[in-house]
C-alpha atoms as a PDB file:
ATOM      1  CA  MET A   1       8.254   1.084   9.855  1.00  0.00           C
ATOM      2  CA  GLU A   2      10.082   4.162  10.973  1.00  0.00           C
ATOM      3  CA  ASN A   3      11.578   6.285   8.174  1.00  0.00           C
ATOM      4  CA  LYS A   4       9.816   4.265   5.481  1.00  0.00           C
ATOM      5  CA  ILE A   5       7.923   5.568   2.502  1.00  0.00           C
ATOM      6  CA  LEU A   6       4.649   3.678   2.767  1.00  0.00           C
ATOM      7  CA  ILE A   7       2.826   2.811  -0.431  1.00  0.00           C
ATOM      8  CA  PHE A   8      -0.848   1.966  -0.192  1.00  0.00           C
ATOM      9  CA  GLY A   9      -4.204   2.391  -1.854  1.00  0.00           C
ATOM     10  CA  HIS A  10      -7.718   2.612  -0.521  1.00  0.00           C
ATOM     11  CA  LYS A  11      -9.081   1.289   2.758  1.00  0.00           C
ATOM     12  CA  ASN A  12     -10.770  -1.813   1.305  1.00  0.00           C
ATOM     13  CA  PRO A  13      -7.977  -3.029  -0.943  1.00  0.00           C
ATOM     14  CA  ASP A  14      -8.691  -5.108  -4.012  1.00  0.00           C
ATOM     15  CA  THR A  15      -6.319  -6.859  -6.385  1.00  0.00           C
ATOM     16  CA  ASP A  16      -5.272  -3.765  -8.340  1.00  0.00           C
ATOM     17  CA  THR A  17      -4.525  -1.793  -5.166  1.00  0.00           C
ATOM     18  CA  ILE A  18      -2.448  -4.541  -3.562  1.00  0.00           C
ATOM     19  CA  CYS A  19      -0.547  -5.413  -6.733  1.00  0.00           C
ATOM     20  CA  SER A  20       0.078  -1.750  -7.625  1.00  0.00           C
ATOM     21  CA  ALA A  21       1.564  -1.099  -4.193  1.00  0.00           C
ATOM     22  CA  LEU A  22       3.798  -4.182  -4.465  1.00  0.00           C
ATOM     23  CA  VAL A  23       4.995  -3.218  -7.947  1.00  0.00           C
ATOM     24  CA  LYS A  24       5.631   0.400  -6.904  1.00  0.00           C
ATOM     25  CA  GLU A  25       7.777  -0.831  -3.995  1.00  0.00           C
ATOM     26  CA  ILE A  26       9.839  -2.988  -6.379  1.00  0.00           C
ATOM     27  CA  LEU A  27      10.175  -0.150  -8.889  1.00  0.00           C
ATOM     28  CA  ASN A  28      11.238   2.331  -6.208  1.00  0.00           C
ATOM     29  CA  LYS A  29      13.863  -0.056  -4.852  1.00  0.00           C
ATOM     30  CA  LYS A  30      15.243  -0.686  -8.342  1.00  0.00           C
ATOM     31  CA  ASN A  31      15.572   3.080  -8.660  1.00  0.00           C
ATOM     32  CA  GLY A  32      17.490   3.350  -5.396  1.00  0.00           C
ATOM     33  CA  CYS A  33      14.717   4.155  -2.931  1.00  0.00           C
ATOM     34  CA  GLU A  34      15.285   1.427  -0.349  1.00  0.00           C
ATOM     35  CA  LYS A  35      12.935   3.134   2.135  1.00  0.00           C
ATOM     36  CA  SER A  36       9.826   2.142   0.139  1.00  0.00           C
ATOM     37  CA  LYS A  37       7.421  -0.361   1.657  1.00  0.00           C
ATOM     38  CA  ALA A  38       4.085  -1.612   0.317  1.00  0.00           C
ATOM     39  CA  VAL A  39       1.390  -1.842   2.999  1.00  0.00           C
ATOM     40  CA  ARG A  40      -2.372  -2.360   2.975  1.00  0.00           C
ATOM     41  CA  LEU A  41      -5.100  -0.564   4.898  1.00  0.00           C
ATOM     42  CA  GLY A  42      -7.578  -3.444   5.096  1.00  0.00           C
ATOM     43  CA  ASN A  43      -8.070  -7.176   4.796  1.00  0.00           C
ATOM     44  CA  VAL A  44      -7.159  -9.082   1.648  1.00  0.00           C
ATOM     45  CA  ASN A  45     -10.265 -10.353  -0.155  1.00  0.00           C
ATOM     46  CA  LYS A  46     -10.572 -13.870  -1.629  1.00  0.00           C
ATOM     47  CA  GLU A  47      -9.882 -12.800  -5.215  1.00  0.00           C
ATOM     48  CA  THR A  48      -6.732 -10.946  -4.227  1.00  0.00           C
ATOM     49  CA  GLN A  49      -5.512 -13.807  -2.039  1.00  0.00           C
ATOM     50  CA  TYR A  50      -6.042 -16.196  -4.964  1.00  0.00           C
ATOM     51  CA  ALA A  51      -3.901 -13.971  -7.228  1.00  0.00           C
ATOM     52  CA  LEU A  52      -1.176 -13.620  -4.589  1.00  0.00           C
ATOM     53  CA  ASP A  53      -1.139 -17.387  -4.002  1.00  0.00           C
ATOM     54  CA  TYR A  54      -1.052 -18.069  -7.740  1.00  0.00           C
ATOM     55  CA  PHE A  55       2.051 -15.915  -8.168  1.00  0.00           C
ATOM     56  CA  GLY A  56       3.628 -16.940  -4.857  1.00  0.00           C
ATOM     57  CA  VAL A  57       3.617 -13.436  -3.395  1.00  0.00           C
ATOM     58  CA  LYS A  58       2.908 -12.507   0.218  1.00  0.00           C
ATOM     59  CA  ALA A  59       0.330  -9.822   0.976  1.00  0.00           C
ATOM     60  CA  PRO A  60       1.766  -6.517   2.190  1.00  0.00           C
ATOM     61  CA  GLU A  61       1.765  -5.899   5.923  1.00  0.00           C
ATOM     62  CA  LEU A  62      -1.471  -4.505   7.360  1.00  0.00           C
ATOM     63  CA  LEU A  63      -1.130  -0.897   8.525  1.00  0.00           C
ATOM     64  CA  GLU A  64      -3.689  -0.597  11.293  1.00  0.00           C
ATOM     65  CA  GLU A  65      -2.978   2.972  12.319  1.00  0.00           C
ATOM     66  CA  VAL A  66      -0.750   5.873  11.467  1.00  0.00           C
ATOM     67  CA  GLU A  67       1.141   7.604  14.244  1.00  0.00           C
ATOM     68  CA  GLU A  68       0.095  11.200  14.851  1.00  0.00           C
ATOM     69  CA  GLY A  69       2.312  13.657  13.032  1.00  0.00           C
ATOM     70  CA  ARG A  70       3.740  11.042  10.687  1.00  0.00           C
ATOM     71  CA  LYS A  71       4.038  12.185   7.099  1.00  0.00           C
ATOM     72  CA  GLU A  72       3.170   9.567   4.515  1.00  0.00           C
ATOM     73  CA  THR A  73       3.876   9.540   0.826  1.00  0.00           C
ATOM     74  CA  VAL A  74       0.796   8.753  -1.247  1.00  0.00           C
ATOM     75  CA  TYR A  75       1.312   7.915  -4.900  1.00  0.00           C
ATOM     76  CA  PRO A  76      -1.357   9.350  -7.224  1.00  0.00           C
ATOM     77  CA  MET A  77      -1.699   6.069  -9.133  1.00  0.00           C
ATOM     78  CA  LEU A  78      -2.943   4.477  -5.923  1.00  0.00           C
ATOM     79  CA  TYR A  79      -5.081   7.395  -4.854  1.00  0.00           C
ATOM     80  CA  SER A  80      -8.800   7.315  -5.530  1.00  0.00           C
ATOM     81  CA  TRP A  81     -10.683  10.599  -5.141  1.00  0.00           C
ATOM     82  CA  ARG A  82     -13.840   8.794  -4.028  1.00  0.00           C
ATOM     83  CA  ASN A  83     -11.824   7.256  -1.179  1.00  0.00           C
ATOM     84  CA  ARG A  84     -10.090  10.481  -0.162  1.00  0.00           C
ATOM     85  CA  ARG A  85     -11.523  10.352   3.369  1.00  0.00           C
ATOM     86  CA  ASP A  86      -9.722   7.031   3.907  1.00  0.00           C
ATOM     87  CA  ILE A  87      -6.303   8.621   3.798  1.00  0.00           C
ATOM     88  CA  ASP A  88      -6.890  12.234   4.834  1.00  0.00           C
ATOM     89  CA  GLY A  89      -5.575  11.469   8.317  1.00  0.00           C
ATOM     90  CA  CYS A  90      -2.272  10.268   6.899  1.00  0.00           C
ATOM     91  CA  ARG A  91      -1.022  13.629   5.677  1.00  0.00           C
END
């Protein structure tokens, strides 16, 4: 995932987090940002998997760790202030 702009939400992703990241990746690519990639920080729950299956969409790749010194792009629409500690190490 080198040189990618990673799009993700909180650590325990639910349907809105997963789908928002997927849509933001599509939108970015349509606007010429081919480096965008939706990822998730945790396991997909049953509700989210049902929605993904229903629409025939694969879950984003699981990002298990962030390399030290890597700069990530975090989109405010996916950022939850109550979950700030989940992504503080990604800056």
